Every structure is written in structure tokens, then in C-alpha cells.
Amino acid sequence: MTPAAGPALPIVLAMTGASGAGYGLRLLDCLLAASLPVHLICSPTALQVINGETDLQLPGRPAGQARALAERFAAAPGALSVYAASDWRAPAASGSARLGAMVVCPCSMGSLAAIAAGASDNLIERAADVALKEGRRLVLVPRETPLSAIHLENMLKLARLGACVLPANPGFYERPATIEALVDFIVARILDQLGVPHQLGPRWGQTPE
């Protein structure tokens, strides 16, 4: 007899100071809609980007962020946990915590470099280090152009370590008519990497409805 599947492990979602806050917020929305628990970590710079690029004005404290985001995305009670980047008591700081995959979206080049170096100077970097050492799925979504040799070398190093480097580089073969469609293109690719079913767009070879 096949044992019954247990509850889904929380997804760690980190947002850093790169442009592209809409990608991370849409991903959060989709994960919560899929009834997946999420541990969210926003760097201080990420909060500035969110407040500058979107109509959200998130407060500085995690409790306030959790309330605002849970209301925005109609999260089930207890589905969303928010941690400060300085909170070393958070579950993501230790490999002993039962957690699933981790996504850094958007991922700044500074964060990517620190993760590649194993710096672990804040919770986001430490959580990524834990994901790598525990063999968990780590998806990094950089948004930067052009790319220097330093950026490319860091990405290559992380790819060789097992991370998935998934640049925020949407395709146009579906003829997107809105910014939301461009965002969903990338979020769909992230969800695919996490094994999360979705209906964000037709698959290649499928006829759009």
C-alpha cells in the first residue's frame, strides 16, 4: 500500500533588491493559491523596490508585511510566514528544519554573488546555503542586463553546485498583450521547476483556449 502523502513542505521565497518585484509577488500569489505554505524573506532593499514598483506599501516589520500580504492574496490562516533578513531564529536558517525548495525572486547580483561565495551574512544567504548543502531545489531568478564576466562566473558556479539559474527573460512566442502575461511567463517556469501545477499559459505545442 502506498503511504498517504503528508502535508506539503513550506516553500522558502526570498525577495532581494533587484528590479522585478512583480515576479516575486505573483509567485507568492500562485504558491498560496496552490495551498502551499510559504516562508517569505524580504531584504530591506527588496521592500524599497516593492514599494517603488508596485501599489503595495509594505511596512518594515515582518508582522505587518504578513498581514498586508495575507489580505492582498487571500492567504489561508497560517499559510504565510514572514521573516526579517536579520532573523537567525527562522526555520530556514537551519538544515534541521523541514522545508521544501527555495526561490530567490528577484535575485540581485549582490545576493547571487554572496550565495555563490557561501557568505551567509543574512537569512537569505544562509537559507540558500542551507538549501544547497541539504540538496534541496534552489531557484535563482536574476534580473540584470548586461551581464559582466563576474555575473556569468557566479551563475556558472551556482549551476554547477546544483542551483537552477532562471533569468527573468520572458518569451514572446505566445504574443503577450499585457505586462501581466510577461510576468506569468516567468512565474510559470518557476512553478515548473518546483513541480507545482498551474494554468498560467499554454504549453508549447498546445493550442491556446
N, C-alpha and C. Protein backbone atom coordinates (compact mmCIF):
# COMPACT_ATOMS: atom_id res chain seq x y z
N MET A 1 0.85 -1.20 0.00
CA MET A 1 0.00 0.00 0.00
C MET A 1 0.88 1.24 0.00
N THR A 2 0.55 2.18 -0.85
CA THR A 2 1.31 3.43 -0.90
C THR A 2 0.92 4.31 0.28
N PRO A 3 1.92 4.79 1.08
CA PRO A 3 1.57 5.63 2.22
C PRO A 3 0.96 6.93 1.76
N ALA A 4 0.06 7.46 2.57
CA ALA A 4 -0.58 8.74 2.25
C ALA A 4 0.44 9.86 2.28
N ALA A 5 0.31 10.75 1.35
CA ALA A 5 1.24 11.89 1.30
C ALA A 5 1.01 12.80 2.48
N GLY A 6 2.09 13.28 3.07
CA GLY A 6 1.98 14.19 4.19
C GLY A 6 1.72 15.61 3.71
N PRO A 7 1.63 16.53 4.65
CA PRO A 7 1.41 17.93 4.27
C PRO A 7 2.59 18.47 3.47
N ALA A 8 2.29 19.40 2.58
CA ALA A 8 3.33 19.98 1.74
C ALA A 8 4.34 20.74 2.60
N LEU A 9 5.61 20.58 2.26
CA LEU A 9 6.64 21.32 2.98
C LEU A 9 6.62 22.78 2.55
N PRO A 10 6.90 23.70 3.46
CA PRO A 10 6.89 25.12 3.10
C PRO A 10 7.94 25.45 2.03
N ILE A 11 7.55 26.33 1.12
CA ILE A 11 8.48 26.88 0.14
C ILE A 11 9.09 28.15 0.73
N VAL A 12 10.41 28.25 0.66
CA VAL A 12 11.08 29.48 1.10
C VAL A 12 11.18 30.41 -0.10
N LEU A 13 10.59 31.58 0.02
CA LEU A 13 10.64 32.59 -1.04
C LEU A 13 11.36 33.82 -0.51
N ALA A 14 12.47 34.16 -1.15
CA ALA A 14 13.23 35.36 -0.77
C ALA A 14 13.14 36.38 -1.88
N MET A 15 12.95 37.62 -1.49
CA MET A 15 12.95 38.72 -2.45
C MET A 15 14.08 39.68 -2.08
N THR A 16 14.92 39.99 -3.06
CA THR A 16 16.05 40.88 -2.81
C THR A 16 15.87 42.16 -3.62
N GLY A 17 16.91 42.98 -3.66
CA GLY A 17 16.77 44.34 -4.15
C GLY A 17 16.85 44.55 -5.64
N ALA A 18 16.78 43.50 -6.45
CA ALA A 18 16.75 43.69 -7.89
C ALA A 18 15.39 44.20 -8.32
N SER A 19 15.35 44.88 -9.45
CA SER A 19 14.07 45.25 -10.03
C SER A 19 13.32 43.98 -10.43
N GLY A 20 11.99 44.06 -10.43
CA GLY A 20 11.19 42.89 -10.78
C GLY A 20 10.40 42.36 -9.62
N ALA A 21 9.97 43.25 -8.71
CA ALA A 21 9.19 42.81 -7.55
C ALA A 21 7.92 42.10 -7.97
N GLY A 22 7.36 42.48 -9.12
CA GLY A 22 6.14 41.84 -9.57
C GLY A 22 6.27 40.35 -9.79
N TYR A 23 7.46 39.89 -10.17
CA TYR A 23 7.67 38.45 -10.33
C TYR A 23 7.52 37.74 -8.99
N GLY A 24 8.18 38.26 -7.97
CA GLY A 24 8.12 37.61 -6.67
C GLY A 24 6.72 37.64 -6.07
N LEU A 25 6.02 38.75 -6.21
CA LEU A 25 4.67 38.85 -5.66
C LEU A 25 3.70 37.94 -6.39
N ARG A 26 3.83 37.84 -7.71
CA ARG A 26 2.95 36.94 -8.46
C ARG A 26 3.24 35.49 -8.10
N LEU A 27 4.52 35.16 -7.89
CA LEU A 27 4.87 33.81 -7.46
C LEU A 27 4.27 33.51 -6.10
N LEU A 28 4.36 34.47 -5.19
CA LEU A 28 3.75 34.29 -3.87
C LEU A 28 2.26 34.02 -4.00
N ASP A 29 1.60 34.80 -4.83
CA ASP A 29 0.17 34.63 -5.07
C ASP A 29 -0.13 33.21 -5.55
N CYS A 30 0.64 32.73 -6.52
CA CYS A 30 0.40 31.40 -7.09
C CYS A 30 0.67 30.28 -6.09
N LEU A 31 1.72 30.42 -5.30
CA LEU A 31 2.03 29.40 -4.30
C LEU A 31 0.94 29.30 -3.25
N LEU A 32 0.46 30.45 -2.79
CA LEU A 32 -0.63 30.45 -1.80
C LEU A 32 -1.91 29.90 -2.40
N ALA A 33 -2.18 30.25 -3.67
CA ALA A 33 -3.38 29.74 -4.33
C ALA A 33 -3.32 28.23 -4.51
N ALA A 34 -2.09 27.68 -4.59
CA ALA A 34 -1.91 26.23 -4.71
C ALA A 34 -1.91 25.55 -3.35
N SER A 35 -2.27 26.29 -2.30
CA SER A 35 -2.35 25.77 -0.92
C SER A 35 -1.00 25.30 -0.40
N LEU A 36 0.06 25.98 -0.84
CA LEU A 36 1.39 25.68 -0.35
C LEU A 36 1.79 26.70 0.71
N PRO A 37 2.28 26.25 1.86
CA PRO A 37 2.76 27.20 2.86
C PRO A 37 4.04 27.88 2.36
N VAL A 38 4.19 29.15 2.70
CA VAL A 38 5.32 29.94 2.22
C VAL A 38 6.00 30.63 3.39
N HIS A 39 7.32 30.53 3.42
CA HIS A 39 8.15 31.31 4.34
C HIS A 39 8.80 32.42 3.51
N LEU A 40 8.37 33.64 3.71
CA LEU A 40 8.83 34.77 2.91
C LEU A 40 9.89 35.57 3.67
N ILE A 41 10.97 35.90 2.95
CA ILE A 41 12.03 36.75 3.50
C ILE A 41 12.26 37.89 2.52
N CYS A 42 12.08 39.12 2.97
CA CYS A 42 12.34 40.30 2.14
C CYS A 42 13.53 41.06 2.70
N SER A 43 14.51 41.32 1.85
CA SER A 43 15.62 42.16 2.29
C SER A 43 15.12 43.60 2.43
N PRO A 44 15.82 44.44 3.20
CA PRO A 44 15.40 45.84 3.31
C PRO A 44 15.31 46.53 1.95
N THR A 45 16.25 46.22 1.06
CA THR A 45 16.20 46.83 -0.26
C THR A 45 15.03 46.30 -1.07
N ALA A 46 14.67 45.04 -0.88
CA ALA A 46 13.51 44.49 -1.57
C ALA A 46 12.25 45.24 -1.20
N LEU A 47 12.13 45.63 0.07
CA LEU A 47 10.95 46.39 0.49
C LEU A 47 10.90 47.72 -0.23
N GLN A 48 12.05 48.37 -0.41
CA GLN A 48 12.08 49.62 -1.16
C GLN A 48 11.63 49.41 -2.60
N VAL A 49 12.09 48.31 -3.20
CA VAL A 49 11.71 48.03 -4.59
C VAL A 49 10.22 47.73 -4.68
N ILE A 50 9.70 46.91 -3.77
CA ILE A 50 8.27 46.60 -3.78
C ILE A 50 7.44 47.87 -3.66
N ASN A 51 7.82 48.72 -2.73
CA ASN A 51 7.06 49.95 -2.51
C ASN A 51 7.20 50.94 -3.65
N GLY A 52 8.30 50.81 -4.42
CA GLY A 52 8.51 51.71 -5.53
C GLY A 52 7.92 51.22 -6.84
N GLU A 53 7.88 49.88 -7.03
CA GLU A 53 7.45 49.32 -8.31
C GLU A 53 6.00 48.86 -8.33
N THR A 54 5.38 48.74 -7.17
CA THR A 54 4.01 48.23 -7.11
C THR A 54 3.14 49.19 -6.31
N ASP A 55 1.85 48.89 -6.26
CA ASP A 55 0.94 49.72 -5.48
C ASP A 55 0.90 49.33 -4.01
N LEU A 56 1.71 48.36 -3.62
CA LEU A 56 1.83 47.98 -2.22
C LEU A 56 2.74 48.95 -1.49
N GLN A 57 2.45 49.17 -0.23
CA GLN A 57 3.33 49.93 0.65
C GLN A 57 3.51 49.11 1.92
N LEU A 58 4.46 48.18 1.86
CA LEU A 58 4.65 47.26 2.96
C LEU A 58 5.39 47.93 4.11
N PRO A 59 4.97 47.67 5.34
CA PRO A 59 5.68 48.21 6.50
C PRO A 59 7.02 47.51 6.69
N GLY A 60 7.82 48.03 7.58
CA GLY A 60 9.15 47.48 7.79
C GLY A 60 9.17 46.21 8.61
N ARG A 61 8.19 46.01 9.46
CA ARG A 61 8.19 44.84 10.34
C ARG A 61 7.53 43.64 9.68
N PRO A 62 8.08 42.44 9.88
CA PRO A 62 7.52 41.24 9.25
C PRO A 62 6.06 41.00 9.59
N ALA A 63 5.64 41.27 10.83
CA ALA A 63 4.25 41.02 11.19
C ALA A 63 3.31 41.86 10.34
N GLY A 64 3.66 43.13 10.12
CA GLY A 64 2.85 43.99 9.28
C GLY A 64 2.87 43.55 7.83
N GLN A 65 4.02 43.09 7.36
CA GLN A 65 4.11 42.58 5.99
C GLN A 65 3.22 41.36 5.82
N ALA A 66 3.23 40.47 6.80
CA ALA A 66 2.43 39.26 6.73
C ALA A 66 0.94 39.60 6.67
N ARG A 67 0.51 40.54 7.47
CA ARG A 67 -0.92 40.92 7.45
C ARG A 67 -1.31 41.51 6.10
N ALA A 68 -0.47 42.43 5.59
CA ALA A 68 -0.80 43.09 4.33
C ALA A 68 -0.82 42.10 3.17
N LEU A 69 0.15 41.20 3.12
CA LEU A 69 0.23 40.26 2.01
C LEU A 69 -0.83 39.17 2.12
N ALA A 70 -1.11 38.73 3.34
CA ALA A 70 -2.16 37.71 3.52
C ALA A 70 -3.51 38.27 3.08
N GLU A 71 -3.76 39.53 3.38
CA GLU A 71 -5.01 40.15 2.95
C GLU A 71 -5.02 40.34 1.44
N ARG A 72 -3.89 40.77 0.88
CA ARG A 72 -3.81 41.02 -0.56
C ARG A 72 -4.07 39.74 -1.36
N PHE A 73 -3.53 38.63 -0.90
CA PHE A 73 -3.61 37.39 -1.67
C PHE A 73 -4.58 36.37 -1.07
N ALA A 74 -5.39 36.80 -0.12
CA ALA A 74 -6.41 35.95 0.49
C ALA A 74 -5.80 34.63 0.98
N ALA A 75 -4.69 34.73 1.71
CA ALA A 75 -3.99 33.54 2.19
C ALA A 75 -4.78 32.87 3.30
N ALA A 76 -4.76 31.56 3.30
CA ALA A 76 -5.39 30.81 4.38
C ALA A 76 -4.66 31.09 5.68
N PRO A 77 -5.34 31.01 6.81
CA PRO A 77 -4.68 31.25 8.10
C PRO A 77 -3.46 30.35 8.28
N GLY A 78 -2.34 30.93 8.63
CA GLY A 78 -1.12 30.17 8.87
C GLY A 78 -0.34 29.80 7.63
N ALA A 79 -0.86 30.14 6.44
CA ALA A 79 -0.18 29.74 5.21
C ALA A 79 1.06 30.56 4.93
N LEU A 80 1.08 31.81 5.38
CA LEU A 80 2.18 32.71 5.09
C LEU A 80 2.90 33.11 6.37
N SER A 81 4.20 32.85 6.40
CA SER A 81 5.06 33.30 7.49
C SER A 81 6.11 34.23 6.91
N VAL A 82 6.34 35.36 7.55
CA VAL A 82 7.29 36.34 7.04
C VAL A 82 8.39 36.54 8.07
N TYR A 83 9.63 36.57 7.59
CA TYR A 83 10.80 36.71 8.47
C TYR A 83 11.69 37.84 7.98
N ALA A 84 12.28 38.56 8.91
CA ALA A 84 13.25 39.59 8.56
C ALA A 84 14.54 38.93 8.10
N ALA A 85 15.28 39.62 7.27
CA ALA A 85 16.55 39.08 6.78
C ALA A 85 17.59 38.98 7.88
N SER A 86 17.31 39.58 9.02
CA SER A 86 18.23 39.52 10.17
C SER A 86 17.80 38.49 11.21
N ASP A 87 16.74 37.73 10.95
CA ASP A 87 16.18 36.81 11.94
C ASP A 87 16.81 35.43 11.81
N TRP A 88 17.81 35.17 12.63
CA TRP A 88 18.51 33.89 12.57
C TRP A 88 17.75 32.78 13.28
N ARG A 89 16.63 33.11 13.93
CA ARG A 89 15.80 32.08 14.57
C ARG A 89 14.81 31.47 13.59
N ALA A 90 14.74 32.00 12.38
CA ALA A 90 13.81 31.49 11.38
C ALA A 90 14.17 30.06 10.99
N PRO A 91 13.17 29.23 10.68
CA PRO A 91 13.46 27.84 10.31
C PRO A 91 14.44 27.70 9.16
N ALA A 92 14.40 28.61 8.19
CA ALA A 92 15.25 28.48 7.01
C ALA A 92 16.74 28.59 7.33
N ALA A 93 17.09 29.03 8.54
CA ALA A 93 18.49 29.19 8.90
C ALA A 93 19.15 27.87 9.26
N SER A 94 18.37 26.80 9.39
CA SER A 94 18.94 25.53 9.82
C SER A 94 18.51 24.40 8.92
N GLY A 95 19.43 23.50 8.65
CA GLY A 95 19.12 22.33 7.86
C GLY A 95 18.23 21.34 8.57
N SER A 96 18.07 21.48 9.88
CA SER A 96 17.21 20.56 10.61
C SER A 96 15.73 20.86 10.44
N ALA A 97 15.40 22.04 9.93
CA ALA A 97 14.01 22.41 9.70
C ALA A 97 13.47 21.65 8.49
N ARG A 98 12.21 21.26 8.56
CA ARG A 98 11.56 20.55 7.47
C ARG A 98 11.00 21.57 6.49
N LEU A 99 11.76 21.82 5.44
CA LEU A 99 11.37 22.80 4.44
C LEU A 99 11.53 22.20 3.05
N GLY A 100 10.84 22.79 2.08
CA GLY A 100 10.96 22.33 0.72
C GLY A 100 11.96 23.17 -0.06
N ALA A 101 11.63 23.47 -1.27
CA ALA A 101 12.52 24.22 -2.15
C ALA A 101 12.62 25.67 -1.72
N MET A 102 13.61 26.36 -2.30
CA MET A 102 13.79 27.79 -2.07
C MET A 102 13.89 28.50 -3.40
N VAL A 103 13.26 29.68 -3.47
CA VAL A 103 13.34 30.53 -4.66
C VAL A 103 13.78 31.92 -4.22
N VAL A 104 14.74 32.49 -4.92
CA VAL A 104 15.12 33.89 -4.71
C VAL A 104 14.65 34.65 -5.95
N CYS A 105 13.60 35.45 -5.77
CA CYS A 105 12.94 36.08 -6.91
C CYS A 105 12.35 37.43 -6.50
N PRO A 106 12.88 38.52 -7.03
CA PRO A 106 14.04 38.60 -7.91
C PRO A 106 15.34 38.46 -7.11
N CYS A 107 16.40 38.06 -7.80
CA CYS A 107 17.69 37.86 -7.15
C CYS A 107 18.68 38.91 -7.66
N SER A 108 19.11 39.77 -6.78
CA SER A 108 20.10 40.78 -7.16
C SER A 108 21.45 40.12 -7.41
N MET A 109 22.31 40.80 -8.15
CA MET A 109 23.64 40.26 -8.40
C MET A 109 24.48 40.23 -7.13
N GLY A 110 24.19 41.14 -6.20
CA GLY A 110 24.89 41.10 -4.93
C GLY A 110 24.52 39.86 -4.15
N SER A 111 23.23 39.53 -4.11
CA SER A 111 22.79 38.32 -3.41
C SER A 111 23.32 37.08 -4.11
N LEU A 112 23.29 37.07 -5.44
CA LEU A 112 23.79 35.93 -6.18
C LEU A 112 25.27 35.70 -5.90
N ALA A 113 26.04 36.78 -5.84
CA ALA A 113 27.47 36.66 -5.56
C ALA A 113 27.71 36.12 -4.14
N ALA A 114 26.92 36.63 -3.19
CA ALA A 114 27.09 36.18 -1.81
C ALA A 114 26.72 34.71 -1.66
N ILE A 115 25.66 34.28 -2.35
CA ILE A 115 25.27 32.87 -2.30
C ILE A 115 26.35 32.00 -2.93
N ALA A 116 26.90 32.46 -4.05
CA ALA A 116 27.97 31.70 -4.71
C ALA A 116 29.20 31.56 -3.83
N ALA A 117 29.45 32.59 -3.00
CA ALA A 117 30.62 32.58 -2.13
C ALA A 117 30.35 31.91 -0.79
N GLY A 118 29.07 31.54 -0.52
CA GLY A 118 28.74 30.95 0.77
C GLY A 118 28.87 31.93 1.92
N ALA A 119 28.60 33.20 1.66
CA ALA A 119 28.84 34.24 2.67
C ALA A 119 27.95 34.10 3.89
N SER A 120 26.67 33.82 3.69
CA SER A 120 25.72 33.61 4.79
C SER A 120 25.70 34.77 5.78
N ASP A 121 25.72 35.99 5.28
CA ASP A 121 25.73 37.17 6.15
C ASP A 121 24.33 37.60 6.57
N ASN A 122 23.29 37.06 5.93
CA ASN A 122 21.93 37.35 6.36
C ASN A 122 21.09 36.10 6.15
N LEU A 123 19.81 36.16 6.52
CA LEU A 123 18.98 34.96 6.46
C LEU A 123 18.78 34.47 5.04
N ILE A 124 18.69 35.37 4.07
CA ILE A 124 18.51 34.94 2.68
C ILE A 124 19.72 34.14 2.21
N GLU A 125 20.91 34.67 2.45
CA GLU A 125 22.12 33.98 2.04
C GLU A 125 22.29 32.66 2.78
N ARG A 126 21.99 32.66 4.07
CA ARG A 126 22.11 31.44 4.87
C ARG A 126 21.10 30.40 4.41
N ALA A 127 19.87 30.82 4.15
CA ALA A 127 18.85 29.88 3.70
C ALA A 127 19.24 29.24 2.37
N ALA A 128 19.82 30.03 1.47
CA ALA A 128 20.28 29.47 0.19
C ALA A 128 21.43 28.50 0.42
N ASP A 129 22.33 28.84 1.34
CA ASP A 129 23.43 27.95 1.67
C ASP A 129 22.90 26.63 2.23
N VAL A 130 21.88 26.71 3.08
CA VAL A 130 21.26 25.52 3.65
C VAL A 130 20.62 24.68 2.54
N ALA A 131 19.91 25.34 1.63
CA ALA A 131 19.27 24.60 0.54
C ALA A 131 20.31 23.82 -0.28
N LEU A 132 21.44 24.44 -0.55
CA LEU A 132 22.49 23.77 -1.32
C LEU A 132 23.08 22.59 -0.54
N LYS A 133 23.39 22.82 0.71
CA LYS A 133 24.05 21.75 1.48
C LYS A 133 23.11 20.59 1.79
N GLU A 134 21.80 20.87 1.85
CA GLU A 134 20.83 19.82 2.12
C GLU A 134 20.32 19.16 0.84
N GLY A 135 20.79 19.64 -0.32
CA GLY A 135 20.36 19.06 -1.57
C GLY A 135 18.94 19.40 -1.96
N ARG A 136 18.44 20.53 -1.49
CA ARG A 136 17.09 20.96 -1.85
C ARG A 136 17.13 21.79 -3.13
N ARG A 137 15.99 21.89 -3.78
CA ARG A 137 15.90 22.69 -5.00
C ARG A 137 16.10 24.16 -4.66
N LEU A 138 17.01 24.80 -5.37
CA LEU A 138 17.26 26.23 -5.21
C LEU A 138 17.13 26.89 -6.57
N VAL A 139 16.17 27.80 -6.70
CA VAL A 139 15.92 28.50 -7.95
C VAL A 139 16.25 29.98 -7.76
N LEU A 140 17.15 30.49 -8.59
CA LEU A 140 17.57 31.88 -8.52
C LEU A 140 17.07 32.60 -9.76
N VAL A 141 16.40 33.72 -9.57
CA VAL A 141 15.79 34.46 -10.68
C VAL A 141 16.44 35.84 -10.78
N PRO A 142 17.61 35.92 -11.44
CA PRO A 142 18.29 37.22 -11.58
C PRO A 142 17.61 38.09 -12.63
N ARG A 143 17.67 39.39 -12.41
CA ARG A 143 17.15 40.33 -13.40
C ARG A 143 18.17 41.45 -13.53
N GLU A 144 19.04 41.30 -14.49
CA GLU A 144 20.12 42.26 -14.71
C GLU A 144 20.55 42.18 -16.15
N THR A 145 20.94 43.31 -16.73
CA THR A 145 21.47 43.32 -18.09
C THR A 145 22.23 44.62 -18.32
N PRO A 146 23.35 44.58 -19.01
CA PRO A 146 24.05 43.39 -19.49
C PRO A 146 24.72 42.66 -18.34
N LEU A 147 25.22 41.48 -18.61
CA LEU A 147 25.87 40.67 -17.60
C LEU A 147 27.38 40.77 -17.75
N SER A 148 28.05 41.01 -16.64
CA SER A 148 29.52 41.06 -16.66
C SER A 148 30.07 39.64 -16.53
N ALA A 149 31.37 39.50 -16.73
CA ALA A 149 32.01 38.20 -16.56
C ALA A 149 31.87 37.72 -15.11
N ILE A 150 31.86 38.65 -14.16
CA ILE A 150 31.67 38.28 -12.75
C ILE A 150 30.30 37.63 -12.57
N HIS A 151 29.26 38.28 -13.11
CA HIS A 151 27.90 37.72 -13.01
C HIS A 151 27.84 36.33 -13.62
N LEU A 152 28.41 36.18 -14.81
CA LEU A 152 28.35 34.91 -15.52
C LEU A 152 29.12 33.82 -14.78
N GLU A 153 30.27 34.17 -14.22
CA GLU A 153 31.05 33.19 -13.47
C GLU A 153 30.31 32.75 -12.22
N ASN A 154 29.64 33.68 -11.54
CA ASN A 154 28.87 33.31 -10.35
C ASN A 154 27.70 32.40 -10.71
N MET A 155 27.03 32.70 -11.82
CA MET A 155 25.92 31.86 -12.26
C MET A 155 26.41 30.46 -12.63
N LEU A 156 27.54 30.38 -13.33
CA LEU A 156 28.08 29.08 -13.70
C LEU A 156 28.45 28.27 -12.46
N LYS A 157 29.05 28.93 -11.50
CA LYS A 157 29.42 28.24 -10.26
C LYS A 157 28.19 27.66 -9.58
N LEU A 158 27.13 28.47 -9.48
CA LEU A 158 25.92 28.02 -8.80
C LEU A 158 25.23 26.91 -9.59
N ALA A 159 25.23 27.02 -10.91
CA ALA A 159 24.64 25.95 -11.72
C ALA A 159 25.38 24.64 -11.51
N ARG A 160 26.69 24.72 -11.42
CA ARG A 160 27.49 23.51 -11.18
C ARG A 160 27.25 22.94 -9.79
N LEU A 161 26.84 23.80 -8.84
CA LEU A 161 26.53 23.35 -7.48
C LEU A 161 25.12 22.78 -7.37
N GLY A 162 24.36 22.87 -8.45
CA GLY A 162 23.02 22.28 -8.44
C GLY A 162 21.88 23.26 -8.43
N ALA A 163 22.18 24.55 -8.35
CA ALA A 163 21.10 25.54 -8.37
C ALA A 163 20.55 25.70 -9.78
N CYS A 164 19.30 26.10 -9.87
CA CYS A 164 18.69 26.44 -11.16
C CYS A 164 18.75 27.95 -11.32
N VAL A 165 19.46 28.42 -12.33
CA VAL A 165 19.54 29.85 -12.62
C VAL A 165 18.51 30.15 -13.71
N LEU A 166 17.46 30.89 -13.33
CA LEU A 166 16.32 31.10 -14.21
C LEU A 166 16.13 32.61 -14.40
N PRO A 167 16.82 33.21 -15.37
CA PRO A 167 16.75 34.66 -15.54
C PRO A 167 15.33 35.12 -15.88
N ALA A 168 15.00 36.30 -15.43
CA ALA A 168 13.69 36.89 -15.73
C ALA A 168 13.71 37.40 -17.17
N ASN A 169 13.58 36.45 -18.09
CA ASN A 169 13.74 36.71 -19.52
C ASN A 169 12.56 36.11 -20.26
N PRO A 170 11.42 36.79 -20.28
CA PRO A 170 10.20 36.20 -20.86
C PRO A 170 10.28 36.01 -22.36
N GLY A 171 9.58 34.98 -22.82
CA GLY A 171 9.49 34.74 -24.25
C GLY A 171 8.30 35.50 -24.84
N PHE A 172 8.31 35.61 -26.16
CA PHE A 172 7.26 36.37 -26.85
C PHE A 172 6.49 35.53 -27.87
N TYR A 173 6.76 34.21 -27.91
CA TYR A 173 6.09 33.39 -28.91
C TYR A 173 4.60 33.20 -28.61
N GLU A 174 4.17 33.51 -27.38
CA GLU A 174 2.75 33.45 -27.06
C GLU A 174 2.05 34.78 -27.36
N ARG A 175 2.81 35.74 -27.90
CA ARG A 175 2.29 37.06 -28.23
C ARG A 175 1.60 37.72 -27.02
N PRO A 176 2.35 37.94 -25.95
CA PRO A 176 1.76 38.54 -24.76
C PRO A 176 1.25 39.95 -25.05
N ALA A 177 0.07 40.24 -24.53
CA ALA A 177 -0.55 41.55 -24.77
C ALA A 177 -0.48 42.45 -23.55
N THR A 178 -0.05 41.91 -22.41
CA THR A 178 -0.02 42.68 -21.17
C THR A 178 1.27 42.40 -20.42
N ILE A 179 1.60 43.30 -19.50
CA ILE A 179 2.73 43.08 -18.61
C ILE A 179 2.47 41.85 -17.75
N GLU A 180 1.23 41.66 -17.34
CA GLU A 180 0.88 40.50 -16.50
C GLU A 180 1.20 39.19 -17.22
N ALA A 181 0.99 39.16 -18.53
CA ALA A 181 1.30 37.94 -19.29
C ALA A 181 2.81 37.68 -19.32
N LEU A 182 3.60 38.75 -19.42
CA LEU A 182 5.05 38.60 -19.39
C LEU A 182 5.52 38.08 -18.03
N VAL A 183 4.93 38.61 -16.97
CA VAL A 183 5.27 38.15 -15.62
C VAL A 183 4.89 36.68 -15.47
N ASP A 184 3.70 36.32 -15.92
CA ASP A 184 3.24 34.94 -15.78
C ASP A 184 4.11 33.96 -16.54
N PHE A 185 4.71 34.39 -17.64
CA PHE A 185 5.61 33.52 -18.39
C PHE A 185 6.75 33.05 -17.50
N ILE A 186 7.35 33.97 -16.77
CA ILE A 186 8.47 33.62 -15.89
C ILE A 186 7.99 32.84 -14.68
N VAL A 187 6.90 33.28 -14.08
CA VAL A 187 6.38 32.59 -12.90
C VAL A 187 6.00 31.15 -13.25
N ALA A 188 5.48 30.94 -14.44
CA ALA A 188 5.16 29.57 -14.87
C ALA A 188 6.40 28.69 -14.93
N ARG A 189 7.50 29.25 -15.41
CA ARG A 189 8.74 28.47 -15.47
C ARG A 189 9.25 28.14 -14.06
N ILE A 190 9.08 29.08 -13.13
CA ILE A 190 9.49 28.82 -11.75
C ILE A 190 8.64 27.71 -11.15
N LEU A 191 7.33 27.80 -11.33
CA LEU A 191 6.43 26.78 -10.80
C LEU A 191 6.75 25.41 -11.39
N ASP A 192 7.13 25.38 -12.66
CA ASP A 192 7.54 24.10 -13.27
C ASP A 192 8.76 23.53 -12.55
N GLN A 193 9.71 24.38 -12.22
CA GLN A 193 10.90 23.91 -11.50
C GLN A 193 10.56 23.37 -10.12
N LEU A 194 9.50 23.90 -9.52
CA LEU A 194 9.07 23.46 -8.19
C LEU A 194 8.11 22.27 -8.25
N GLY A 195 7.66 21.92 -9.45
CA GLY A 195 6.71 20.83 -9.57
C GLY A 195 5.31 21.21 -9.15
N VAL A 196 4.98 22.50 -9.26
CA VAL A 196 3.66 22.99 -8.85
C VAL A 196 2.77 23.13 -10.08
N PRO A 197 1.65 22.42 -10.15
CA PRO A 197 0.76 22.54 -11.30
C PRO A 197 0.21 23.96 -11.42
N HIS A 198 -0.02 24.37 -12.65
CA HIS A 198 -0.56 25.71 -12.87
C HIS A 198 -1.21 25.77 -14.23
N GLN A 199 -1.96 26.85 -14.44
CA GLN A 199 -2.62 27.11 -15.72
C GLN A 199 -2.29 28.53 -16.17
N LEU A 200 -1.05 28.90 -16.11
CA LEU A 200 -0.65 30.27 -16.42
C LEU A 200 -0.47 30.53 -17.91
N GLY A 201 -0.54 29.51 -18.70
CA GLY A 201 -0.39 29.71 -20.14
C GLY A 201 -0.30 28.37 -20.84
N PRO A 202 -0.49 28.36 -22.15
CA PRO A 202 -0.41 27.11 -22.90
C PRO A 202 1.02 26.57 -22.97
N ARG A 203 1.11 25.26 -23.02
CA ARG A 203 2.40 24.62 -23.22
C ARG A 203 2.76 24.68 -24.70
N TRP A 204 4.05 24.58 -24.99
CA TRP A 204 4.48 24.58 -26.38
C TRP A 204 3.84 23.38 -27.10
N GLY A 205 3.23 23.65 -28.22
CA GLY A 205 2.56 22.61 -28.96
C GLY A 205 1.08 22.51 -28.65
N GLN A 206 0.64 23.18 -27.58
CA GLN A 206 -0.78 23.20 -27.26
C GLN A 206 -1.45 24.38 -27.95
N THR A 207 -2.72 24.20 -28.23
CA THR A 207 -3.50 25.29 -28.80
C THR A 207 -4.12 26.10 -27.69
N PRO A 208 -3.85 27.42 -27.63
CA PRO A 208 -4.45 28.23 -26.57
C PRO A 208 -5.97 28.16 -26.64
N GLU A 209 -6.59 28.14 -25.46
CA GLU A 209 -8.06 28.12 -25.42
C GLU A 209 -8.61 29.46 -25.84
